[in-house]
Amino acid sequence: MYRLSADCPRGEKQVAGGAGLVRMKVLAAPEEMYRSARLFNHITLDPGCSIGYHAHEHETEFYYLLSGEAVFNDNGTEVLLHAGDVTQTGYGQSHSLENRSTAPVELIALIVTETNG
């Protein structure tokens, strides 16, 4: 199976009370991932945009930065991320991501859900 980039669903929305609109391209739907994940997206944060601070219960979210630099809030501790860096947030932990730079930030976001069995 393959999916051309032009055929991937796209949208913009405010995420977890963050600033501005986050641009998203859906890479796979939950049913395509055997419901072991609920999100697999290519995300773009324009300058000044952010994903608001939020928690993850019974799931883990990964960010893989493709380009740019962003401030990652890891349970209250801020760290500057660059292309190639990876984050992991789950089991009641909280995070946010903010683009404080003058260039767009691109990343892959994957949310893996807890399974029973």
N, C-alpha and C. Protein backbone atom coordinates (compact mmCIF):
# COMPACT_ATOMS: atom_id res chain seq x y z
N MET A 1 0.84 -1.17 0.00
CA MET A 1 0.00 0.00 0.00
C MET A 1 0.88 1.24 0.00
N TYR A 2 0.41 2.29 -0.58
CA TYR A 2 1.10 3.57 -0.56
C TYR A 2 0.05 4.67 -0.58
N ARG A 3 0.47 5.86 -0.19
CA ARG A 3 -0.42 7.01 -0.25
C ARG A 3 0.43 8.19 -0.73
N LEU A 4 0.01 8.78 -1.81
CA LEU A 4 0.69 9.97 -2.30
C LEU A 4 0.44 11.13 -1.35
N SER A 5 1.44 11.98 -1.21
CA SER A 5 1.31 13.12 -0.31
C SER A 5 0.06 13.94 -0.60
N ALA A 6 -0.25 14.13 -1.86
CA ALA A 6 -1.42 14.92 -2.25
C ALA A 6 -2.73 14.30 -1.76
N ASP A 7 -2.72 12.99 -1.47
CA ASP A 7 -3.94 12.30 -1.04
C ASP A 7 -4.09 12.25 0.48
N CYS A 8 -3.12 12.75 1.23
CA CYS A 8 -3.20 12.74 2.70
C CYS A 8 -4.14 13.85 3.17
N PRO A 9 -5.08 13.52 4.07
CA PRO A 9 -5.96 14.56 4.61
C PRO A 9 -5.14 15.63 5.34
N ARG A 10 -5.57 16.86 5.22
CA ARG A 10 -4.88 17.99 5.86
C ARG A 10 -5.89 18.84 6.61
N GLY A 11 -5.37 19.57 7.60
CA GLY A 11 -6.21 20.48 8.35
C GLY A 11 -5.38 21.40 9.22
N GLU A 12 -6.05 22.36 9.80
CA GLU A 12 -5.45 23.30 10.74
C GLU A 12 -6.36 23.40 11.94
N LYS A 13 -5.76 23.44 13.13
CA LYS A 13 -6.57 23.64 14.33
C LYS A 13 -5.69 24.06 15.49
N GLN A 14 -6.35 24.65 16.47
CA GLN A 14 -5.68 24.97 17.72
C GLN A 14 -5.57 23.67 18.51
N VAL A 15 -4.41 23.41 19.11
CA VAL A 15 -4.19 22.14 19.81
C VAL A 15 -3.91 22.40 21.29
N ALA A 16 -4.74 21.84 22.14
CA ALA A 16 -4.56 21.87 23.60
C ALA A 16 -4.40 23.30 24.13
N GLY A 17 -5.12 24.24 23.55
CA GLY A 17 -5.08 25.61 24.01
C GLY A 17 -3.83 26.38 23.62
N GLY A 18 -3.06 25.83 22.68
CA GLY A 18 -1.84 26.49 22.23
C GLY A 18 -2.14 27.72 21.39
N ALA A 19 -1.08 28.46 21.09
CA ALA A 19 -1.20 29.69 20.29
C ALA A 19 -1.26 29.37 18.80
N GLY A 20 -2.10 30.07 18.08
CA GLY A 20 -2.17 29.93 16.63
C GLY A 20 -2.76 28.61 16.18
N LEU A 21 -2.66 28.38 14.88
CA LEU A 21 -3.17 27.16 14.27
C LEU A 21 -2.02 26.24 13.91
N VAL A 22 -2.17 24.97 14.24
CA VAL A 22 -1.19 23.94 13.92
C VAL A 22 -1.64 23.29 12.61
N ARG A 23 -0.73 23.21 11.64
CA ARG A 23 -1.04 22.55 10.37
C ARG A 23 -0.70 21.07 10.49
N MET A 24 -1.65 20.21 10.06
CA MET A 24 -1.46 18.77 10.18
C MET A 24 -1.75 18.05 8.87
N LYS A 25 -0.93 17.07 8.58
CA LYS A 25 -1.16 16.15 7.47
C LYS A 25 -1.25 14.76 8.10
N VAL A 26 -2.38 14.11 7.91
CA VAL A 26 -2.61 12.78 8.49
C VAL A 26 -1.88 11.74 7.65
N LEU A 27 -0.96 11.02 8.29
CA LEU A 27 -0.19 9.98 7.59
C LEU A 27 -0.86 8.63 7.65
N ALA A 28 -1.62 8.37 8.72
CA ALA A 28 -2.39 7.12 8.84
C ALA A 28 -3.51 7.34 9.84
N ALA A 29 -4.64 6.72 9.58
CA ALA A 29 -5.80 6.79 10.48
C ALA A 29 -5.69 5.66 11.52
N PRO A 30 -6.35 5.81 12.67
CA PRO A 30 -6.26 4.78 13.72
C PRO A 30 -6.59 3.36 13.23
N GLU A 31 -7.59 3.24 12.37
CA GLU A 31 -7.96 1.90 11.89
C GLU A 31 -6.87 1.29 11.01
N GLU A 32 -6.04 2.11 10.41
CA GLU A 32 -4.92 1.61 9.60
C GLU A 32 -3.76 1.15 10.48
N MET A 33 -3.81 1.49 11.76
CA MET A 33 -2.74 1.12 12.69
C MET A 33 -3.25 0.10 13.71
N TYR A 34 -4.29 -0.65 13.35
CA TYR A 34 -4.88 -1.68 14.20
C TYR A 34 -5.27 -1.13 15.57
N ARG A 35 -5.59 0.16 15.59
CA ARG A 35 -5.98 0.87 16.80
C ARG A 35 -4.94 0.79 17.91
N SER A 36 -3.69 0.52 17.54
CA SER A 36 -2.57 0.55 18.49
C SER A 36 -2.03 1.97 18.62
N ALA A 37 -2.47 2.85 17.73
CA ALA A 37 -2.09 4.26 17.77
C ALA A 37 -3.31 5.06 17.36
N ARG A 38 -3.41 6.26 17.87
CA ARG A 38 -4.56 7.10 17.51
C ARG A 38 -4.17 8.32 16.69
N LEU A 39 -2.85 8.54 16.51
CA LEU A 39 -2.43 9.68 15.72
C LEU A 39 -1.06 9.40 15.13
N PHE A 40 -0.91 9.66 13.83
CA PHE A 40 0.37 9.59 13.13
C PHE A 40 0.32 10.70 12.10
N ASN A 41 0.89 11.88 12.46
CA ASN A 41 0.74 13.09 11.66
C ASN A 41 2.07 13.77 11.39
N HIS A 42 2.14 14.43 10.25
CA HIS A 42 3.21 15.39 9.96
C HIS A 42 2.65 16.74 10.37
N ILE A 43 3.36 17.44 11.27
CA ILE A 43 2.87 18.68 11.85
C ILE A 43 3.81 19.83 11.52
N THR A 44 3.23 20.97 11.22
CA THR A 44 4.01 22.19 11.02
C THR A 44 3.54 23.25 12.00
N LEU A 45 4.51 23.81 12.74
CA LEU A 45 4.25 24.93 13.64
C LEU A 45 4.90 26.16 13.03
N ASP A 46 4.11 27.12 12.63
CA ASP A 46 4.66 28.37 12.13
C ASP A 46 5.21 29.19 13.29
N PRO A 47 6.05 30.19 13.02
CA PRO A 47 6.58 31.02 14.10
C PRO A 47 5.45 31.57 14.99
N GLY A 48 5.65 31.48 16.31
CA GLY A 48 4.66 31.95 17.26
C GLY A 48 3.58 30.94 17.60
N CYS A 49 3.53 29.81 16.91
CA CYS A 49 2.50 28.79 17.17
C CYS A 49 3.01 27.77 18.19
N SER A 50 2.05 27.12 18.86
CA SER A 50 2.42 26.12 19.86
C SER A 50 1.34 25.06 20.00
N ILE A 51 1.76 23.93 20.53
CA ILE A 51 0.87 22.88 21.02
C ILE A 51 0.82 23.09 22.52
N GLY A 52 -0.35 23.38 23.07
CA GLY A 52 -0.48 23.72 24.48
C GLY A 52 -0.11 22.59 25.42
N TYR A 53 0.14 22.95 26.67
CA TYR A 53 0.54 22.00 27.71
C TYR A 53 -0.61 21.05 28.01
N HIS A 54 -0.34 19.75 27.92
CA HIS A 54 -1.38 18.74 28.15
C HIS A 54 -0.75 17.43 28.62
N ALA A 55 -1.57 16.59 29.23
CA ALA A 55 -1.12 15.31 29.79
C ALA A 55 -1.54 14.14 28.91
N HIS A 56 -0.84 13.03 29.07
CA HIS A 56 -1.20 11.78 28.38
C HIS A 56 -1.37 10.67 29.39
N GLU A 57 -2.55 10.07 29.40
CA GLU A 57 -2.87 8.93 30.26
C GLU A 57 -3.15 7.73 29.36
N HIS A 58 -2.60 6.59 29.69
CA HIS A 58 -2.86 5.35 28.95
C HIS A 58 -2.46 5.44 27.48
N GLU A 59 -1.50 6.31 27.19
CA GLU A 59 -0.95 6.46 25.85
C GLU A 59 0.38 7.20 25.95
N THR A 60 1.17 7.11 24.89
CA THR A 60 2.45 7.82 24.84
C THR A 60 2.55 8.55 23.52
N GLU A 61 2.95 9.82 23.60
CA GLU A 61 3.14 10.61 22.39
C GLU A 61 4.63 10.83 22.14
N PHE A 62 5.02 10.62 20.90
CA PHE A 62 6.38 10.84 20.44
C PHE A 62 6.39 12.01 19.47
N TYR A 63 7.40 12.87 19.57
CA TYR A 63 7.67 13.89 18.57
C TYR A 63 9.05 13.60 17.99
N TYR A 64 9.16 13.67 16.67
CA TYR A 64 10.45 13.58 15.99
C TYR A 64 10.59 14.83 15.14
N LEU A 65 11.51 15.72 15.51
CA LEU A 65 11.68 16.96 14.77
C LEU A 65 12.39 16.73 13.45
N LEU A 66 11.75 17.19 12.37
CA LEU A 66 12.31 17.08 11.03
C LEU A 66 13.12 18.31 10.66
N SER A 67 12.64 19.49 11.07
CA SER A 67 13.35 20.73 10.74
C SER A 67 12.98 21.81 11.74
N GLY A 68 13.88 22.78 11.88
CA GLY A 68 13.65 23.90 12.76
C GLY A 68 14.07 23.62 14.18
N GLU A 69 13.72 24.54 15.08
CA GLU A 69 13.98 24.37 16.50
C GLU A 69 12.75 24.80 17.28
N ALA A 70 12.47 24.08 18.36
CA ALA A 70 11.28 24.35 19.15
C ALA A 70 11.59 24.17 20.63
N VAL A 71 10.85 24.86 21.48
CA VAL A 71 10.98 24.73 22.92
C VAL A 71 9.99 23.67 23.38
N PHE A 72 10.52 22.60 23.97
CA PHE A 72 9.72 21.49 24.48
C PHE A 72 9.63 21.63 25.99
N ASN A 73 8.41 21.66 26.51
CA ASN A 73 8.18 21.70 27.94
C ASN A 73 7.91 20.26 28.39
N ASP A 74 8.86 19.70 29.12
CA ASP A 74 8.81 18.31 29.59
C ASP A 74 8.50 18.33 31.08
N ASN A 75 7.21 18.27 31.43
CA ASN A 75 6.78 18.28 32.83
C ASN A 75 7.32 19.49 33.59
N GLY A 76 7.32 20.66 32.95
CA GLY A 76 7.74 21.88 33.60
C GLY A 76 9.17 22.29 33.33
N THR A 77 9.96 21.44 32.68
CA THR A 77 11.34 21.76 32.33
C THR A 77 11.42 22.02 30.84
N GLU A 78 11.90 23.22 30.47
CA GLU A 78 12.01 23.57 29.05
C GLU A 78 13.37 23.17 28.50
N VAL A 79 13.36 22.63 27.28
CA VAL A 79 14.59 22.26 26.57
C VAL A 79 14.42 22.66 25.10
N LEU A 80 15.50 23.12 24.48
CA LEU A 80 15.46 23.51 23.08
C LEU A 80 15.76 22.29 22.22
N LEU A 81 14.84 21.95 21.32
CA LEU A 81 14.98 20.80 20.42
C LEU A 81 15.36 21.26 19.03
N HIS A 82 16.11 20.41 18.33
CA HIS A 82 16.54 20.67 16.95
C HIS A 82 16.19 19.46 16.09
N ALA A 83 16.32 19.62 14.77
CA ALA A 83 16.04 18.53 13.84
C ALA A 83 16.81 17.28 14.27
N GLY A 84 16.12 16.13 14.27
CA GLY A 84 16.72 14.86 14.67
C GLY A 84 16.45 14.49 16.10
N ASP A 85 15.98 15.44 16.93
CA ASP A 85 15.68 15.14 18.33
C ASP A 85 14.33 14.45 18.46
N VAL A 86 14.19 13.62 19.50
CA VAL A 86 12.98 12.83 19.74
C VAL A 86 12.51 13.06 21.18
N THR A 87 11.20 13.15 21.36
CA THR A 87 10.63 13.25 22.71
C THR A 87 9.65 12.10 22.92
N GLN A 88 9.37 11.82 24.20
CA GLN A 88 8.41 10.78 24.57
C GLN A 88 7.68 11.25 25.82
N THR A 89 6.34 11.26 25.76
CA THR A 89 5.54 11.70 26.90
C THR A 89 4.39 10.73 27.10
N GLY A 90 4.29 10.12 28.28
CA GLY A 90 3.21 9.20 28.57
C GLY A 90 3.08 8.92 30.06
N TYR A 91 2.18 8.02 30.40
CA TYR A 91 2.00 7.55 31.78
C TYR A 91 1.76 8.70 32.76
N GLY A 92 0.87 9.63 32.39
CA GLY A 92 0.51 10.73 33.26
C GLY A 92 1.43 11.93 33.16
N GLN A 93 2.43 11.88 32.31
CA GLN A 93 3.32 13.02 32.13
C GLN A 93 2.66 14.07 31.23
N SER A 94 3.20 15.30 31.27
CA SER A 94 2.65 16.40 30.49
C SER A 94 3.73 17.06 29.65
N HIS A 95 3.29 17.72 28.57
CA HIS A 95 4.23 18.39 27.68
C HIS A 95 3.55 19.46 26.85
N SER A 96 4.39 20.29 26.21
CA SER A 96 3.94 21.26 25.21
C SER A 96 5.11 21.49 24.26
N LEU A 97 4.83 22.14 23.14
CA LEU A 97 5.86 22.43 22.15
C LEU A 97 5.56 23.80 21.55
N GLU A 98 6.58 24.66 21.51
CA GLU A 98 6.37 26.03 21.04
C GLU A 98 7.46 26.43 20.06
N ASN A 99 7.04 27.07 18.99
CA ASN A 99 7.99 27.61 18.02
C ASN A 99 8.23 29.08 18.35
N ARG A 100 9.38 29.35 18.96
CA ARG A 100 9.76 30.73 19.30
C ARG A 100 10.73 31.31 18.27
N SER A 101 10.99 30.57 17.21
CA SER A 101 11.94 31.01 16.19
C SER A 101 11.22 31.77 15.08
N THR A 102 11.98 32.14 14.05
CA THR A 102 11.41 32.87 12.91
C THR A 102 11.16 31.97 11.70
N ALA A 103 11.42 30.66 11.85
CA ALA A 103 11.22 29.70 10.76
C ALA A 103 10.23 28.63 11.19
N PRO A 104 9.50 28.02 10.25
CA PRO A 104 8.59 26.94 10.60
C PRO A 104 9.32 25.75 11.22
N VAL A 105 8.61 25.01 12.06
CA VAL A 105 9.10 23.77 12.65
C VAL A 105 8.25 22.64 12.08
N GLU A 106 8.91 21.59 11.60
CA GLU A 106 8.19 20.42 11.11
C GLU A 106 8.56 19.22 11.96
N LEU A 107 7.57 18.40 12.25
CA LEU A 107 7.78 17.21 13.08
C LEU A 107 6.80 16.12 12.72
N ILE A 108 7.14 14.92 13.14
CA ILE A 108 6.22 13.78 13.08
C ILE A 108 5.73 13.55 14.50
N ALA A 109 4.42 13.42 14.68
CA ALA A 109 3.82 13.11 15.97
C ALA A 109 3.15 11.75 15.87
N LEU A 110 3.41 10.90 16.85
CA LEU A 110 2.82 9.57 16.91
C LEU A 110 2.30 9.36 18.32
N ILE A 111 1.02 9.01 18.46
CA ILE A 111 0.44 8.67 19.77
C ILE A 111 0.09 7.18 19.75
N VAL A 112 0.81 6.44 20.58
CA VAL A 112 0.60 5.00 20.73
C VAL A 112 -0.30 4.78 21.94
N THR A 113 -1.34 3.97 21.78
CA THR A 113 -2.30 3.77 22.85
C THR A 113 -2.03 2.48 23.62
N GLU A 114 -2.50 2.48 24.87
CA GLU A 114 -2.37 1.29 25.70
C GLU A 114 -3.26 0.19 25.15
N THR A 115 -2.74 -1.03 25.14
CA THR A 115 -3.54 -2.15 24.67
C THR A 115 -3.82 -3.09 25.83
N ASN A 116 -4.89 -3.84 25.71
CA ASN A 116 -5.27 -4.82 26.73
C ASN A 116 -5.04 -6.21 26.19
N GLY A 117 -3.88 -6.72 26.46
CA GLY A 117 -3.63 -8.09 26.06
C GLY A 117 -2.57 -8.21 25.08
